[in-house]
Amino acid sequence: MTTNRMTRATPPRTTSALAPLRRRLLQVIGVGSLLLAPGWAAAQAPSCSDLCALYGSLVLAPERDLIGSIRTLEKVAKPAVGPRNTRGRWIQRSAYLGTEAFDSTFYLKGGLVQRIELLSTAPEAQCRARTPWAATLSTLQAWQGQAAVSGEFNTSEGAQQSAHVVVGDLNVSVYLSVTPTSCATTVAFQKRDVKDASEL
């Protein structure tokens, strides 16, 4: 009888003794997962689907659509002069294209967004190492699943590199300019010029 009682009593004692240990183990696993998650997430290359689709839809859109689409938009005190008599009237800071952060300037003419230009905010050392350039190209190619048409021009003063991805009538260009005194990585969203055969 004594043996039976002891046999019956042992499992509950063992289970109750292990319960706090199991809870602790689950807590450690849970905390470990949370600590590892940011590193894992950073290792995954974020896509540009949302930002690229938004910017693509805003090219040639009215200014009111631009203002209504981006809550973090800031009006520029002194509009920047852009190509073809456009004016950079609005800016969105720290917009992410994949893993890279950019300040985006929206150039308008005739009340329409003509061009969106993104300037990398990465440190100059990263720019010279072509990190934003390579990461942005990789992100754009993953977004569209196609290679970019690119070219490079070197001089004694530095190097210029460009690449272009065409999505329908949208042209996304990535530019790198490296000189002894400066380095810049920029991206431009604009509609592709489609000329009539009579204009060629």
Protein backbone atom coordinates (compact mmCIF):
# COMPACT_ATOMS: atom_id res chain seq x y z
CA MET A 1 0.00 0.00 0.00
CA THR A 2 2.75 2.36 0.94
CA THR A 3 4.44 1.71 -2.38
CA ASN A 4 1.20 2.39 -4.25
CA ARG A 5 0.64 5.64 -2.37
CA MET A 6 4.19 6.78 -3.10
CA THR A 7 3.85 5.84 -6.75
CA ARG A 8 0.60 7.79 -7.02
CA ALA A 9 1.99 10.79 -5.17
CA THR A 10 5.22 11.11 -7.20
CA PRO A 11 3.84 12.25 -10.61
CA PRO A 12 1.92 15.25 -9.24
CA ARG A 13 4.98 16.38 -7.29
CA THR A 14 7.21 16.05 -10.39
CA THR A 15 4.69 17.88 -12.60
CA SER A 16 4.26 20.72 -10.12
CA ALA A 17 8.03 21.01 -9.71
CA LEU A 18 8.49 21.24 -13.50
CA ALA A 19 5.69 23.76 -14.07
CA PRO A 20 7.72 26.84 -12.99
CA LEU A 21 10.69 25.54 -14.99
CA ARG A 22 8.51 25.14 -18.11
CA ARG A 23 7.06 28.64 -17.66
CA ARG A 24 10.57 30.07 -17.29
CA LEU A 25 11.78 28.19 -20.36
CA LEU A 26 8.87 29.52 -22.42
CA GLN A 27 9.60 33.06 -21.22
CA VAL A 28 13.26 32.72 -22.22
CA ILE A 29 12.27 31.39 -25.65
CA GLY A 30 9.73 34.19 -26.08
CA VAL A 31 12.19 36.94 -25.13
CA GLY A 32 14.87 35.35 -27.29
CA SER A 33 12.50 35.36 -30.25
CA LEU A 34 11.72 39.03 -29.73
CA LEU A 35 15.40 39.91 -29.51
CA LEU A 36 16.23 37.94 -32.64
CA ALA A 37 13.25 39.24 -34.66
CA PRO A 38 14.69 42.70 -35.49
CA GLY A 39 17.94 41.13 -36.71
CA TRP A 40 16.03 38.66 -38.84
CA ALA A 41 13.78 41.41 -40.19
CA ALA A 42 16.78 43.58 -41.04
CA ALA A 43 18.32 40.66 -42.93
CA GLN A 44 15.24 40.45 -45.14
CA ALA A 45 15.32 43.03 -47.95
CA PRO A 46 12.10 45.05 -47.68
CA SER A 47 10.36 45.64 -50.98
CA CYS A 48 9.46 49.02 -52.37
CA SER A 49 6.00 47.90 -53.49
CA ASP A 50 3.96 50.39 -51.45
CA LEU A 51 6.24 53.40 -51.90
CA CYS A 52 6.96 52.68 -55.57
CA ALA A 53 3.28 52.17 -56.36
CA LEU A 54 2.35 55.39 -54.52
CA TYR A 55 5.04 57.48 -56.20
CA GLY A 56 4.22 55.97 -59.58
CA SER A 57 0.55 56.91 -59.14
CA LEU A 58 1.45 60.48 -58.10
CA VAL A 59 3.47 61.32 -61.22
CA LEU A 60 1.23 63.61 -63.34
CA ALA A 61 -1.36 63.69 -60.52
CA PRO A 62 -2.81 67.04 -59.33
CA GLU A 63 -1.11 68.73 -56.36
CA ARG A 64 -4.22 68.16 -54.20
CA ASP A 65 -3.83 64.37 -54.69
CA LEU A 66 -0.22 64.62 -53.52
CA ILE A 67 -1.21 66.58 -50.40
CA GLY A 68 -4.02 64.12 -49.63
CA SER A 69 -1.83 61.03 -50.10
CA ILE A 70 1.14 61.76 -47.80
CA ARG A 71 0.55 62.94 -44.24
CA THR A 72 4.25 63.65 -43.55
CA LEU A 73 4.57 66.05 -46.49
CA GLU A 74 6.29 69.39 -45.77
CA LYS A 75 5.96 72.53 -47.89
CA VAL A 76 9.31 73.91 -49.04
CA ALA A 77 9.88 77.54 -48.02
CA LYS A 78 11.90 78.28 -51.17
CA PRO A 79 10.96 75.92 -54.04
CA ALA A 80 13.92 74.25 -55.72
CA VAL A 81 14.33 74.72 -59.47
CA GLY A 82 14.01 71.42 -61.31
CA PRO A 83 14.25 70.24 -64.92
CA ARG A 84 11.91 71.67 -67.56
CA ASN A 85 10.88 74.67 -65.44
CA THR A 86 9.49 72.54 -62.63
CA ARG A 87 9.57 73.63 -58.98
CA GLY A 88 10.23 71.39 -55.99
CA ARG A 89 7.41 72.56 -53.72
CA TRP A 90 6.98 69.61 -51.35
CA ILE A 91 9.31 67.25 -49.49
CA GLN A 92 8.86 63.97 -47.65
CA ARG A 93 11.72 63.14 -45.28
CA SER A 94 13.07 59.66 -44.54
CA ALA A 95 11.04 57.72 -47.09
CA TYR A 96 12.37 54.16 -47.39
CA LEU A 97 13.06 52.50 -50.70
CA GLY A 98 13.89 48.99 -49.54
CA THR A 99 16.54 49.32 -46.81
CA GLU A 100 17.69 52.81 -47.85
CA ALA A 101 16.35 56.13 -46.52
CA PHE A 102 15.76 59.07 -48.88
CA ASP A 103 14.41 62.61 -48.72
CA SER A 104 11.86 62.92 -51.55
CA THR A 105 11.22 66.20 -53.36
CA PHE A 106 8.08 66.59 -55.49
CA TYR A 107 8.53 68.81 -58.54
CA LEU A 108 5.41 70.45 -59.96
CA LYS A 109 4.47 72.38 -63.07
CA GLY A 110 1.01 73.54 -64.09
CA GLY A 111 -0.45 72.14 -60.86
CA LEU A 112 0.72 68.58 -61.65
CA VAL A 113 3.50 66.46 -60.15
CA GLN A 114 6.02 66.12 -62.98
CA ARG A 115 8.90 64.41 -61.20
CA ILE A 116 9.69 62.87 -57.81
CA GLU A 117 13.36 62.97 -56.88
CA LEU A 118 14.79 61.02 -53.95
CA LEU A 119 18.17 61.91 -52.41
CA SER A 120 19.88 59.30 -50.24
CA THR A 121 20.51 60.31 -46.63
CA ALA A 122 23.24 57.66 -46.13
CA PRO A 123 26.64 58.84 -44.83
CA GLU A 124 29.20 59.80 -47.48
CA ALA A 125 31.36 56.76 -46.73
CA GLN A 126 28.44 54.47 -47.58
CA CYS A 127 27.70 56.49 -50.70
CA ARG A 128 31.31 56.14 -51.89
CA ALA A 129 31.16 52.42 -51.19
CA ARG A 130 28.07 52.42 -53.47
CA THR A 131 25.94 50.80 -50.77
CA PRO A 132 22.75 52.87 -51.36
CA TRP A 133 23.25 52.52 -55.12
CA ALA A 134 23.49 48.72 -55.06
CA ALA A 135 20.74 48.26 -52.46
CA THR A 136 18.33 50.51 -54.34
CA LEU A 137 18.97 48.77 -57.67
CA SER A 138 18.44 45.40 -56.02
CA THR A 139 15.16 46.61 -54.48
CA LEU A 140 13.85 48.00 -57.78
CA GLN A 141 14.79 44.84 -59.66
CA ALA A 142 13.08 42.68 -57.04
CA TRP A 143 9.99 44.90 -57.29
CA GLN A 144 9.68 44.46 -61.04
CA GLY A 145 11.58 41.21 -61.49
CA GLN A 146 13.70 42.66 -64.26
CA ALA A 147 17.24 43.91 -64.75
CA ALA A 148 17.93 47.60 -65.05
CA VAL A 149 19.62 49.11 -68.09
CA SER A 150 22.74 50.78 -66.72
CA GLY A 151 25.89 52.60 -67.75
CA GLU A 152 28.94 54.19 -66.16
CA PHE A 153 31.04 57.20 -67.10
CA ASN A 154 34.44 57.74 -65.47
CA THR A 155 36.61 60.86 -65.62
CA SER A 156 39.72 62.04 -63.79
CA GLU A 157 37.37 64.02 -61.53
CA GLY A 158 35.22 61.08 -60.51
CA ALA A 159 32.51 58.75 -61.75
CA GLN A 160 28.87 58.91 -62.75
CA GLN A 161 26.66 55.88 -62.98
CA SER A 162 23.02 55.52 -63.95
CA ALA A 163 20.46 52.75 -64.23
CA HIS A 164 16.86 52.75 -65.44
CA VAL A 165 13.86 50.51 -64.85
CA VAL A 166 10.83 51.03 -67.08
CA VAL A 167 7.42 50.08 -65.70
CA GLY A 168 4.73 50.74 -68.29
CA ASP A 169 4.96 54.48 -68.95
CA LEU A 170 6.87 55.09 -65.70
CA ASN A 171 10.64 55.53 -65.78
CA VAL A 172 12.56 54.99 -62.52
CA SER A 173 16.17 56.12 -62.75
CA VAL A 174 18.96 55.67 -60.20
CA TYR A 175 21.98 57.99 -60.38
CA LEU A 176 25.32 57.92 -58.60
CA SER A 177 27.71 60.86 -58.76
CA VAL A 178 31.13 60.59 -57.09
CA THR A 179 33.67 63.43 -57.12
CA PRO A 180 36.66 64.13 -54.85
CA THR A 181 34.50 66.51 -52.78
CA SER A 182 31.02 64.96 -52.88
CA CYS A 183 28.95 61.84 -53.38
CA ALA A 184 25.23 61.56 -54.07
CA THR A 185 22.80 58.75 -54.81
CA THR A 186 19.49 59.89 -56.28
CA VAL A 187 16.40 58.20 -57.67
CA ALA A 188 13.90 59.85 -60.01
CA PHE A 189 10.32 58.83 -60.79
CA GLN A 190 8.86 60.37 -63.95
CA LYS A 191 6.70 59.46 -66.88
CA ARG A 192 8.54 58.19 -69.91
CA ASP A 193 8.48 60.49 -72.91
CA VAL A 194 6.60 58.66 -75.63
CA LYS A 195 7.06 60.58 -78.88
CA ASP A 196 4.70 60.32 -81.82
CA ALA A 197 6.31 58.91 -84.98
CA SER A 198 5.78 62.28 -86.68
CA GLU A 199 8.04 63.93 -84.05
CA LEU A 200 11.00 61.59 -84.68
